[in-house]
Protein backbone atom coordinates (compact mmCIF):
# COMPACT_ATOMS: atom_id res chain seq x y z
CA MET A 1 10.99 -21.85 36.13
CA ASP A 2 7.41 -21.82 35.03
CA VAL A 3 6.53 -20.74 31.54
CA ILE A 4 5.10 -17.21 31.27
CA HIS A 5 2.09 -17.06 28.89
CA TRP A 6 2.33 -13.59 27.43
CA TYR A 7 0.26 -13.42 24.21
CA PRO A 8 -2.76 -11.08 24.55
CA GLY A 9 -5.20 -10.90 21.88
CA HIS A 10 -3.84 -7.76 20.34
CA MET A 11 -0.68 -9.57 19.70
CA LYS A 12 -2.40 -12.32 17.55
CA LYS A 13 -4.19 -9.46 15.62
CA ALA A 14 -0.98 -7.64 15.22
CA SER A 15 0.80 -10.81 13.79
CA ASN A 16 -1.95 -11.15 11.15
CA GLN A 17 -1.79 -7.44 10.27
CA MET A 18 2.08 -7.56 9.98
CA ILE A 19 1.84 -10.38 7.44
CA GLU A 20 -0.55 -8.58 5.37
CA ALA A 21 1.40 -5.40 5.59
CA LEU A 22 4.62 -6.98 4.39
CA LYS A 23 3.13 -7.07 0.75
CA MET A 24 3.45 -3.25 0.56
CA VAL A 25 6.84 -2.40 2.32
CA ASP A 26 10.34 -2.28 0.72
CA VAL A 27 12.40 -3.04 3.73
CA VAL A 28 11.90 -4.28 7.38
CA LEU A 29 13.60 -2.83 10.30
CA GLU A 30 13.82 -5.50 13.07
CA LEU A 31 14.67 -3.93 16.45
CA VAL A 32 16.37 -5.81 19.10
CA ASP A 33 17.87 -4.68 22.38
CA ALA A 34 21.74 -4.38 22.21
CA ARG A 35 21.98 -5.61 25.85
CA SER A 36 20.47 -9.07 24.84
CA PRO A 37 20.13 -9.43 21.01
CA SER A 38 19.46 -13.11 21.13
CA LYS A 39 16.73 -13.04 23.75
CA THR A 40 15.00 -10.00 22.28
CA ARG A 41 14.37 -11.54 18.84
CA ASN A 42 11.13 -13.12 18.06
CA PRO A 43 11.89 -15.98 15.53
CA PHE A 44 8.38 -15.29 14.02
CA PHE A 45 9.68 -12.11 12.33
CA LEU A 46 12.44 -13.96 10.30
CA GLU A 47 9.97 -16.49 9.24
CA VAL A 48 7.63 -14.21 7.62
CA ILE A 49 10.19 -11.54 6.33
CA LYS A 50 11.91 -14.24 4.25
CA ASN A 51 13.63 -12.51 1.29
CA LYS A 52 12.39 -9.00 2.05
CA PRO A 53 15.29 -6.50 2.53
CA HIS A 54 15.92 -6.52 6.37
CA ILE A 55 18.03 -4.39 8.60
CA THR A 56 18.58 -5.45 12.20
CA VAL A 57 18.73 -2.48 14.41
CA TYR A 58 20.45 -2.80 17.72
CA MET A 59 18.61 -0.30 19.96
CA LYS A 60 19.76 1.24 23.37
CA SER A 61 23.45 0.55 22.28
CA ASP A 62 24.45 3.26 24.80
CA LEU A 63 23.44 0.84 27.69
CA ALA A 64 25.08 -2.29 26.10
CA ASP A 65 28.49 -3.81 26.66
CA LEU A 66 29.36 -3.69 22.95
CA SER A 67 32.68 -5.52 23.47
CA LYS A 68 30.57 -8.72 23.94
CA ILE A 69 28.33 -8.35 20.77
CA LYS A 70 29.32 -10.03 17.43
CA LEU A 71 27.50 -7.80 14.86
CA GLU A 72 25.78 -9.69 12.01
CA LYS A 73 25.42 -8.62 8.42
CA ASP A 74 23.01 -5.74 7.77
CA THR A 75 22.92 -4.55 11.31
CA VAL A 76 23.04 -1.02 12.72
CA LEU A 77 23.87 0.16 16.18
CA VAL A 78 21.54 2.90 17.41
CA SER A 79 21.27 5.11 20.37
CA ILE A 80 18.51 7.78 20.21
CA LYS A 81 20.93 10.08 22.05
CA ASP A 82 23.39 9.81 19.09
CA LYS A 83 22.32 11.72 16.15
CA LYS A 84 25.05 10.22 13.91
CA SER A 85 23.66 6.72 14.52
CA ILE A 86 20.22 7.87 13.59
CA SER A 87 21.65 9.45 10.23
CA ASN A 88 23.39 6.18 9.51
CA LEU A 89 20.13 4.25 9.86
CA ILE A 90 18.41 6.64 7.57
CA ASN A 91 21.17 6.08 4.92
CA ARG A 92 20.92 2.41 5.41
CA ILE A 93 17.14 2.45 4.73
CA SER A 94 17.69 4.47 1.63
CA ASP A 95 20.34 2.08 0.40
CA ALA A 96 18.08 -1.02 1.02
CA ASN A 97 15.66 0.63 -1.62
CA LYS A 98 18.44 1.46 -4.10
CA GLU A 99 17.77 -1.23 -6.66
CA LYS A 100 14.09 -0.62 -6.73
CA ARG A 101 14.66 3.18 -7.08
CA GLU A 102 17.11 2.63 -10.00
CA LYS A 103 14.42 0.52 -11.87
CA GLN A 104 12.00 3.29 -11.46
CA ILE A 105 14.50 5.86 -12.93
CA SER A 106 15.49 3.58 -15.74
CA ARG A 107 11.81 3.43 -16.77
CA GLY A 108 11.45 7.16 -16.70
CA MET A 109 9.36 7.06 -13.49
CA LYS A 110 9.68 9.39 -10.46
CA PRO A 111 11.29 7.28 -7.68
CA MET A 112 9.00 6.94 -4.76
CA PRO A 113 10.11 7.22 -1.25
CA PRO A 114 10.71 3.75 0.18
CA LYS A 115 8.24 2.19 2.63
CA ALA A 116 9.91 0.61 5.75
CA MET A 117 8.19 -1.48 8.43
CA ILE A 118 9.44 -1.48 11.95
CA VAL A 119 8.94 -4.68 13.86
CA GLY A 120 10.12 -5.99 17.44
CA ILE A 121 9.03 -7.17 20.78
CA PRO A 122 7.29 -4.88 23.32
CA ASN A 123 9.28 -1.91 24.68
CA ILE A 124 12.13 -2.43 22.38
CA GLY A 125 12.29 1.24 21.57
CA LYS A 126 10.20 1.64 18.50
CA SER A 127 8.42 4.86 19.49
CA SER A 128 11.58 6.34 20.79
CA LEU A 129 13.24 5.54 17.40
CA ILE A 130 10.36 7.01 15.46
CA ASN A 131 10.52 10.32 17.57
CA ALA A 132 14.36 10.40 16.84
CA LEU A 133 14.04 9.82 13.15
CA ILE A 134 11.67 12.76 12.61
CA ASN A 135 13.26 14.76 15.37
CA LYS A 136 10.11 15.60 17.27
CA LYS A 137 7.69 13.75 19.62
CA ILE A 138 4.71 12.30 17.90
CA THR A 139 4.44 8.90 19.76
CA LYS A 140 4.06 8.14 23.37
CA VAL A 141 7.23 6.72 25.11
CA GLU A 142 7.24 4.96 28.51
CA ASN A 143 9.47 2.27 29.85
CA LYS A 144 6.73 -0.36 29.82
CA PRO A 145 5.48 -2.80 27.23
CA GLY A 146 2.25 -2.71 25.18
CA LEU A 147 1.75 1.01 24.31
CA THR A 148 1.36 0.57 20.53
CA LYS A 149 -1.82 -1.39 19.76
CA ASN A 150 -2.21 -0.95 15.96
CA ASN A 151 -0.34 -0.38 12.78
CA ARG A 152 0.23 3.30 11.69
CA TRP A 153 2.19 5.08 9.02
CA VAL A 154 4.65 7.78 9.65
CA ASN A 155 6.08 10.28 7.15
CA VAL A 156 9.85 10.55 8.03
CA ASN A 157 10.75 13.95 6.64
CA ASN A 158 9.61 13.08 3.10
CA LYS A 159 12.53 10.60 2.87
CA PHE A 160 10.70 7.44 3.44
CA TYR A 161 7.41 6.22 5.08
CA LEU A 162 7.64 4.10 8.22
CA LEU A 163 4.96 1.65 9.28
CA ASP A 164 4.88 1.27 13.07
CA THR A 165 3.55 -2.06 14.43
CA PRO A 166 2.69 -3.22 17.91
CA GLY A 167 5.28 -5.22 19.89
CA ILE A 168 4.97 -9.08 19.44
CA LEU A 169 6.33 -11.67 21.76
CA PRO A 170 6.41 -15.46 20.92
CA ASN A 171 3.73 -17.42 22.59
CA ASN A 172 6.07 -18.53 25.50
CA TYR A 173 9.37 -17.64 26.92
CA LEU A 174 11.37 -19.86 29.31
CA GLU A 175 14.92 -18.83 30.46
CA SER A 176 14.46 -15.44 28.56
CA ASN A 177 11.87 -14.31 31.09
CA TYR A 178 14.39 -12.99 33.48
CA VAL A 179 16.25 -10.98 30.90
CA LEU A 180 13.08 -9.58 29.28
CA ALA A 181 11.86 -8.37 32.77
CA LEU A 182 15.25 -6.82 33.63
CA ILE A 183 15.35 -4.79 30.34
CA GLY A 184 11.67 -3.91 30.55
CA ALA A 185 10.27 -6.00 27.68
CA ILE A 186 7.77 -7.65 29.94
CA LYS A 187 6.27 -6.27 32.97
CA ILE A 188 8.60 -6.73 35.88
CA GLU A 189 5.68 -7.54 38.08
CA LEU A 190 5.08 -10.90 36.32
CA LEU A 191 8.05 -12.29 38.21
CA PRO A 192 8.64 -12.47 42.03
CA VAL A 193 10.96 -9.80 43.22
CA TYR A 194 13.04 -12.31 45.10
CA GLU A 195 13.51 -14.69 42.10
CA LEU A 196 14.32 -11.99 39.58
CA SER A 197 16.62 -10.20 41.95
CA GLU A 198 18.51 -13.51 42.73
CA TYR A 199 19.05 -14.11 38.98
CA ALA A 200 20.18 -10.52 38.43
CA TYR A 201 22.52 -10.49 41.42
CA LYS A 202 24.16 -13.93 40.53
CA TYR A 203 24.51 -12.87 36.74
CA ILE A 204 26.04 -9.45 37.44
CA THR A 205 28.41 -10.59 40.26
CA LYS A 206 29.73 -13.30 38.02
CA TYR A 207 30.17 -11.34 34.79
CA TYR A 208 30.18 -7.74 35.84
CA PRO A 209 31.56 -7.75 39.56
CA ASN A 210 33.41 -4.34 39.09
CA LEU A 211 30.17 -2.61 38.00
CA TYR A 212 28.46 -4.08 40.96
CA LYS A 213 31.19 -2.98 43.43
CA ASN A 214 31.41 0.50 41.94
CA ARG A 215 27.56 0.98 42.77
CA TYR A 216 27.20 -0.95 45.97
CA LYS A 217 30.80 -0.87 47.38
CA LYS A 218 31.23 -4.61 48.03
CA ILE A 219 29.93 -8.15 47.44
CA MET A 220 28.99 -10.10 50.47
CA ASP A 221 29.41 -13.97 50.83
CA THR A 222 25.55 -14.40 50.37
CA SER A 223 22.94 -12.51 48.34
CA ASP A 224 20.81 -11.97 51.37
CA LYS A 225 23.66 -10.29 53.07
CA SER A 226 24.45 -8.25 50.13
CA PHE A 227 20.86 -6.93 49.79
CA GLU A 228 20.85 -6.28 53.60
CA TYR A 229 24.07 -4.20 53.10
CA ILE A 230 22.47 -2.28 50.16
CA ALA A 231 19.45 -1.59 52.47
CA GLU A 232 21.78 -0.32 55.20
CA ILE A 233 23.90 2.03 52.89
CA ARG A 234 20.66 3.32 51.20
CA GLY A 235 18.75 3.80 54.49
CA ILE A 236 15.88 1.44 53.41
CA LYS A 237 14.02 0.63 56.50
CA ASN A 238 10.55 -0.28 57.46
CA ASP A 239 9.50 0.48 61.03
CA LYS A 240 13.20 0.86 61.90
CA SER A 241 14.10 -2.69 60.54
CA ILE A 242 15.91 -3.37 57.42
CA ASN A 243 13.68 -3.97 54.34
CA HIS A 244 15.15 -6.62 52.16
CA GLU A 245 12.47 -6.72 49.62
CA LEU A 246 12.64 -2.88 48.93
CA ALA A 247 16.45 -3.29 48.64
CA ARG A 248 15.91 -6.00 46.01
CA ALA A 249 13.35 -3.79 44.11
CA LEU A 250 15.74 -0.93 44.18
CA PHE A 251 18.53 -3.09 42.70
CA LEU A 252 16.30 -4.35 39.95
CA LYS A 253 15.20 -0.80 39.03
CA GLU A 254 18.80 0.37 38.78
CA VAL A 255 19.75 -2.72 36.78
CA ARG A 256 16.85 -1.94 34.24
CA ASP A 257 17.62 1.80 33.98
CA GLY A 258 21.30 1.11 33.20
CA ILE A 259 22.55 2.80 36.29
CA LEU A 260 25.14 0.19 37.16
CA GLY A 261 26.78 0.47 33.67
CA LYS A 262 26.86 -1.16 30.31
CA MET A 263 26.15 -4.88 30.15
CA ASN A 264 25.31 -7.83 27.95
CA PHE A 265 22.80 -10.42 29.14
CA ASP A 266 23.57 -13.05 26.59
CA LEU A 267 26.76 -14.32 28.27
CA LYS A 268 27.07 -18.02 29.17
């Protein structure tokens, strides 16, 4: 597969701004998608975070097959639909700043609310998380990448300050392109519908055949026949003939939206 070059000018600018902002924050929240933690990480973040307190936040955990995830140290599972997971994250942010807060108190100083920075690749759920943390909508949320263009500070209920940053992808992605498109981290239009649907079909029928059959009834002996069958049962026709491309596009949308069920896209 060809390399997709996806590094707009605003990402270069955002990288420089993030490095500068690190000097003023107490803890970094690195967001990954729980459906594919390994492919939704940007190694650049770990390179620049270094020894700064760091919490890995597994977003969209309600869409993920958690039985296939091995949680690392200092990780938090989050679903914006689950208030308990949001509360847990708030507590973890406070704990990450505990040592600094105790030093301030020992010196007779009034402890300051911690400053946290949120980083991640595009469309990883940063805006959704911020809205959930403050329990109201202040940032725009859409299922497409590239909405946040500049750094901005948000006061989270006077408990801590959160610096929101634009999503940053590495310069190039190879095999991860398919997964990033399926979960919405890069625009699905960057890949041909046939190519992406073939990847998704083969992956899901291999690792999650029951989820596929629960949604589409049965698996045929070829992918073309399977998509023809999907078109038939969904009534997808063009001038009274079966429209295979629309069937593939429908399949991709339902995979991305989690309609088939909980999955993990890091399996090999």
